[in-house]
Amino acid sequence: ATSTLQVVENYDPRTTFVSATPAPTSGNNTWTLPNLAVGSSTTISITVHVQTGLSNGTILVNTATANYTDSHGSPFSTSIAENTTVHSAPDLMIQKTAVANPNPAVPGSVVTYTLNYSNIGNYPATGVQIIDNYDFAHATVTNSNGGTDNGSTITWNIGTLAPQASGSITYTLTIKGISFFTAGSTPVTNIANITLNELDENYNNNTSFAMVDVNLLPNMSVTKT
């Protein structure tokens, strides 16, 4: 059996204490516990917050020390360390919408596209670019809103996007004239991709597309005399 049992927790400096069950007896890292009989045990559950921006693979070291005396009054101390590996990665996401004016779209309509992007990961993304592949056969760029238009794509250089940071870009295209369409409905599709220097946590949300149907219908009239 033990008596005068004290547990001291030494947190990694890149973590911050949040809570514990049972609550600490002193400060946020010291527990004075009841004596333990032979074969018995007790548990302390601790929650900490890990500092943001740590590189992937960072090792966090947490050490617990138990100080106690045995039934003869002899003091003892034992420590154990636990290593935790940090998983850090950016996770970029982009969503694209399109609104035509007039709507439904016809030759000559102006289409306003909105690109909403964010880093939903836990690590900064650097060298972020958004590249929009537009349907140059059926539309021309009216306002690229700071992007570089090369005739078939528009590129925006975002730079570094911190964890949980977000932004939005709005730009416009004009649907070409009647001679570029055949009768009926023609889909005009734009695809936006967001890229970065690092490995992305999830590439499935790095692409988004928007489609506008351009209608070219006969304009019939009847005259009766």
Protein backbone atom coordinates (compact mmCIF):
# COMPACT_ATOMS: atom_id res chain seq x y z
CA ALA A 1 0.00 0.00 0.00
CA THR A 2 1.04 3.60 -0.50
CA SER A 3 0.52 6.73 1.56
CA THR A 4 1.04 10.41 0.85
CA LEU A 5 0.51 9.81 -2.89
CA GLN A 6 1.17 12.83 -5.07
CA VAL A 7 1.08 12.94 -8.88
CA VAL A 8 2.78 15.77 -10.75
CA GLU A 9 2.18 16.26 -14.47
CA ASN A 10 4.78 18.06 -16.61
CA TYR A 11 3.15 19.32 -19.79
CA ASP A 12 4.92 19.87 -23.07
CA PRO A 13 5.44 23.67 -23.41
CA ARG A 14 3.58 23.60 -26.73
CA THR A 15 0.38 22.54 -24.98
CA THR A 16 -2.02 24.39 -22.69
CA PHE A 17 -3.99 22.80 -19.86
CA VAL A 18 -7.76 22.73 -20.45
CA SER A 19 -9.32 20.44 -17.83
CA ALA A 20 -8.83 17.31 -15.73
CA THR A 21 -10.89 14.68 -13.91
CA PRO A 22 -10.48 14.74 -10.97
CA ALA A 23 -9.53 18.39 -10.76
CA PRO A 24 -5.96 19.16 -9.66
CA THR A 25 -5.35 19.69 -5.96
CA SER A 26 -2.83 22.43 -6.64
CA GLY A 27 -2.37 24.57 -9.74
CA ASN A 28 -3.13 22.68 -12.95
CA ASN A 29 -0.67 19.82 -12.61
CA THR A 30 -0.56 18.44 -9.06
CA TRP A 31 -2.87 15.88 -7.45
CA THR A 32 -2.79 14.66 -3.85
CA LEU A 33 -4.64 11.36 -3.87
CA PRO A 34 -5.97 8.90 -1.27
CA ASN A 35 -3.79 5.99 -0.25
CA LEU A 36 -3.78 3.03 -2.62
CA ALA A 37 -4.23 -0.48 -1.30
CA VAL A 38 -2.22 -3.35 -2.74
CA GLY A 39 -3.50 -4.22 -6.24
CA SER A 40 -5.63 -1.08 -6.59
CA SER A 41 -5.25 1.78 -9.06
CA THR A 42 -6.61 5.23 -9.88
CA THR A 43 -6.97 7.25 -13.06
CA ILE A 44 -6.49 10.92 -13.88
CA SER A 45 -7.83 12.13 -17.24
CA ILE A 46 -6.33 15.36 -18.60
CA THR A 47 -7.25 17.43 -21.65
CA VAL A 48 -4.76 19.88 -23.18
CA HIS A 49 -4.88 22.18 -26.20
CA VAL A 50 -2.06 21.75 -28.72
CA GLN A 51 -0.46 24.91 -30.09
CA THR A 52 -1.40 25.64 -33.71
CA GLY A 53 1.15 25.85 -36.51
CA LEU A 54 3.33 22.95 -35.34
CA SER A 55 5.08 21.10 -38.13
CA ASN A 56 3.80 17.69 -39.12
CA GLY A 57 5.60 15.00 -37.12
CA THR A 58 6.37 17.23 -34.11
CA ILE A 59 6.80 15.11 -30.96
CA LEU A 60 5.06 16.33 -27.81
CA VAL A 61 6.54 14.93 -24.58
CA ASN A 62 4.39 14.64 -21.48
CA THR A 63 5.83 13.32 -18.20
CA ALA A 64 3.96 12.18 -15.08
CA THR A 65 5.72 11.65 -11.77
CA ALA A 66 4.28 9.81 -8.78
CA ASN A 67 5.78 10.67 -5.38
CA TYR A 68 4.79 8.44 -2.47
CA THR A 69 5.87 6.66 0.69
CA ASP A 70 5.37 3.00 1.37
CA SER A 71 3.89 1.47 4.51
CA HIS A 72 7.29 1.73 6.21
CA GLY A 73 7.56 5.46 5.52
CA SER A 74 10.22 5.08 2.84
CA PRO A 75 9.94 7.71 0.06
CA PHE A 76 9.78 6.68 -3.59
CA SER A 77 9.39 8.50 -6.89
CA THR A 78 8.65 7.06 -10.31
CA SER A 79 8.14 8.82 -13.68
CA ILE A 80 6.77 7.83 -17.05
CA ALA A 81 6.83 9.80 -20.31
CA GLU A 82 4.28 9.69 -23.11
CA ASN A 83 5.14 10.88 -26.62
CA THR A 84 2.43 12.18 -28.95
CA THR A 85 3.06 12.80 -32.64
CA VAL A 86 1.38 15.88 -34.11
CA HIS A 87 -0.41 15.50 -37.43
CA SER A 88 -0.43 18.85 -39.24
CA ALA A 89 -1.60 19.60 -42.76
CA PRO A 90 -3.48 22.29 -44.66
CA ASP A 91 -6.84 21.40 -46.15
CA LEU A 92 -7.94 23.81 -48.85
CA MET A 93 -11.55 23.98 -49.98
CA ILE A 94 -13.18 25.90 -52.83
CA GLN A 95 -16.82 26.37 -53.78
CA LYS A 96 -18.03 28.07 -56.95
CA THR A 97 -21.42 29.57 -57.85
CA ALA A 98 -22.75 31.30 -60.99
CA VAL A 99 -25.59 33.79 -61.53
CA ALA A 100 -26.61 34.87 -65.05
CA ASN A 101 -28.24 38.18 -65.94
CA PRO A 102 -30.69 37.82 -67.53
CA ASN A 103 -31.59 34.43 -66.16
CA PRO A 104 -32.10 31.98 -67.87
CA ALA A 105 -28.94 32.84 -69.78
CA VAL A 106 -29.04 33.82 -73.44
CA PRO A 107 -26.32 35.01 -75.84
CA GLY A 108 -25.02 38.32 -74.47
CA SER A 109 -25.85 37.54 -70.81
CA VAL A 110 -23.38 38.58 -68.12
CA VAL A 111 -22.53 35.78 -65.70
CA THR A 112 -21.20 36.61 -62.21
CA TYR A 113 -19.08 33.86 -60.66
CA THR A 114 -18.19 33.71 -56.97
CA LEU A 115 -15.30 31.64 -55.63
CA ASN A 116 -15.35 31.00 -51.87
CA TYR A 117 -12.17 29.42 -50.56
CA SER A 118 -10.77 28.49 -47.14
CA ASN A 119 -8.12 26.50 -45.29
CA ILE A 120 -10.04 24.16 -42.99
CA GLY A 121 -6.84 22.35 -41.95
CA ASN A 122 -4.57 22.97 -38.95
CA TYR A 123 -1.44 24.15 -40.80
CA PRO A 124 -0.75 27.14 -43.08
CA ALA A 125 -0.93 26.66 -46.84
CA THR A 126 1.69 28.54 -48.86
CA GLY A 127 1.88 29.47 -52.52
CA VAL A 128 -1.90 29.23 -52.81
CA GLN A 129 -3.28 29.79 -56.29
CA ILE A 130 -6.78 29.63 -57.73
CA ILE A 131 -6.97 28.70 -61.41
CA ASP A 132 -10.31 29.02 -63.14
CA ASN A 133 -10.76 27.20 -66.45
CA TYR A 134 -13.56 29.02 -68.26
CA ASP A 135 -15.40 28.10 -71.46
CA PHE A 136 -13.54 30.46 -73.82
CA ALA A 137 -15.45 29.06 -76.82
CA HIS A 138 -18.68 30.52 -75.49
CA ALA A 139 -17.67 33.37 -73.14
CA THR A 140 -15.19 36.23 -72.74
CA VAL A 141 -13.82 37.75 -69.55
CA THR A 142 -15.50 41.03 -68.59
CA ASN A 143 -13.80 41.59 -65.21
CA SER A 144 -11.16 39.22 -63.81
CA ASN A 145 -11.02 41.07 -60.45
CA GLY A 146 -7.23 41.12 -60.27
CA GLY A 147 -6.68 37.72 -61.83
CA THR A 148 -4.41 37.05 -64.82
CA ASP A 149 -6.37 36.00 -67.90
CA ASN A 150 -4.45 34.01 -70.54
CA GLY A 151 -7.39 33.44 -72.86
CA SER A 152 -8.68 30.20 -71.35
CA THR A 153 -7.87 30.40 -67.63
CA ILE A 154 -7.79 33.07 -64.94
CA THR A 155 -5.18 32.77 -62.17
CA TRP A 156 -5.27 34.47 -58.78
CA ASN A 157 -2.21 34.37 -56.48
CA ILE A 158 -3.52 34.14 -52.92
CA GLY A 159 -0.17 33.53 -51.16
CA THR A 160 -0.28 32.10 -47.64
CA LEU A 161 -3.60 31.00 -46.17
CA ALA A 162 -3.55 30.45 -42.40
CA PRO A 163 -5.56 27.69 -40.71
CA GLN A 164 -9.28 28.57 -40.68
CA ALA A 165 -8.67 31.61 -42.91
CA SER A 166 -10.98 32.20 -45.86
CA GLY A 167 -11.68 34.56 -48.72
CA SER A 168 -13.88 35.24 -51.71
CA ILE A 169 -13.39 36.30 -55.33
CA THR A 170 -16.12 37.55 -57.66
CA TYR A 171 -15.56 37.96 -61.40
CA THR A 172 -17.69 38.23 -64.54
CA LEU A 173 -17.87 36.70 -67.99
CA THR A 174 -20.02 37.73 -70.93
CA ILE A 175 -21.71 35.05 -73.00
CA LYS A 176 -20.77 35.38 -76.67
CA GLY A 177 -23.22 36.23 -79.45
CA ILE A 178 -25.76 34.13 -81.29
CA SER A 179 -23.29 32.98 -83.95
CA PHE A 180 -21.40 30.91 -81.36
CA PHE A 181 -24.43 28.79 -80.46
CA THR A 182 -26.73 26.30 -82.10
CA ALA A 183 -30.44 26.18 -81.47
CA GLY A 184 -31.44 24.71 -78.14
CA SER A 185 -29.65 24.73 -74.79
CA THR A 186 -25.84 24.87 -74.56
CA PRO A 187 -24.09 24.21 -71.22
CA VAL A 188 -21.28 26.67 -70.40
CA THR A 189 -19.12 25.08 -67.69
CA ASN A 190 -16.33 26.66 -65.63
CA ILE A 191 -14.01 24.65 -63.37
CA ALA A 192 -12.01 26.21 -60.53
CA ASN A 193 -9.02 24.56 -58.83
CA ILE A 194 -7.15 25.68 -55.73
CA THR A 195 -3.50 24.60 -55.37
CA LEU A 196 -0.72 24.91 -52.78
CA ASN A 197 2.94 24.05 -52.17
CA GLU A 198 2.32 21.52 -49.40
CA LEU A 199 0.52 18.19 -49.46
CA ASP A 200 -3.19 18.75 -48.94
CA GLU A 201 -5.09 16.76 -46.33
CA ASN A 202 -8.00 16.18 -48.72
CA TYR A 203 -7.78 16.85 -52.45
CA ASN A 204 -11.45 16.00 -53.00
CA ASN A 205 -12.54 19.54 -52.07
CA ASN A 206 -9.94 21.39 -54.17
CA THR A 207 -12.10 21.58 -57.29
CA SER A 208 -15.50 23.09 -57.92
CA PHE A 209 -17.49 23.78 -61.07
CA ALA A 210 -20.48 25.88 -62.08
CA MET A 211 -22.63 25.45 -65.17
CA VAL A 212 -24.94 27.88 -66.93
CA ASP A 213 -27.31 26.73 -69.68
CA VAL A 214 -27.47 29.21 -72.55
CA ASN A 215 -30.77 29.03 -74.38
CA LEU A 216 -31.12 29.85 -78.07
CA LEU A 217 -34.70 29.26 -79.07
CA PRO A 218 -36.64 30.22 -82.21
CA ASN A 219 -38.49 33.50 -81.96
CA MET A 220 -41.68 32.81 -83.88
CA SER A 221 -44.47 35.23 -84.59
CA VAL A 222 -47.78 34.97 -86.38
CA THR A 223 -49.33 37.78 -88.40
CA LYS A 224 -52.92 37.55 -89.51
CA THR A 225 -54.57 39.68 -92.10
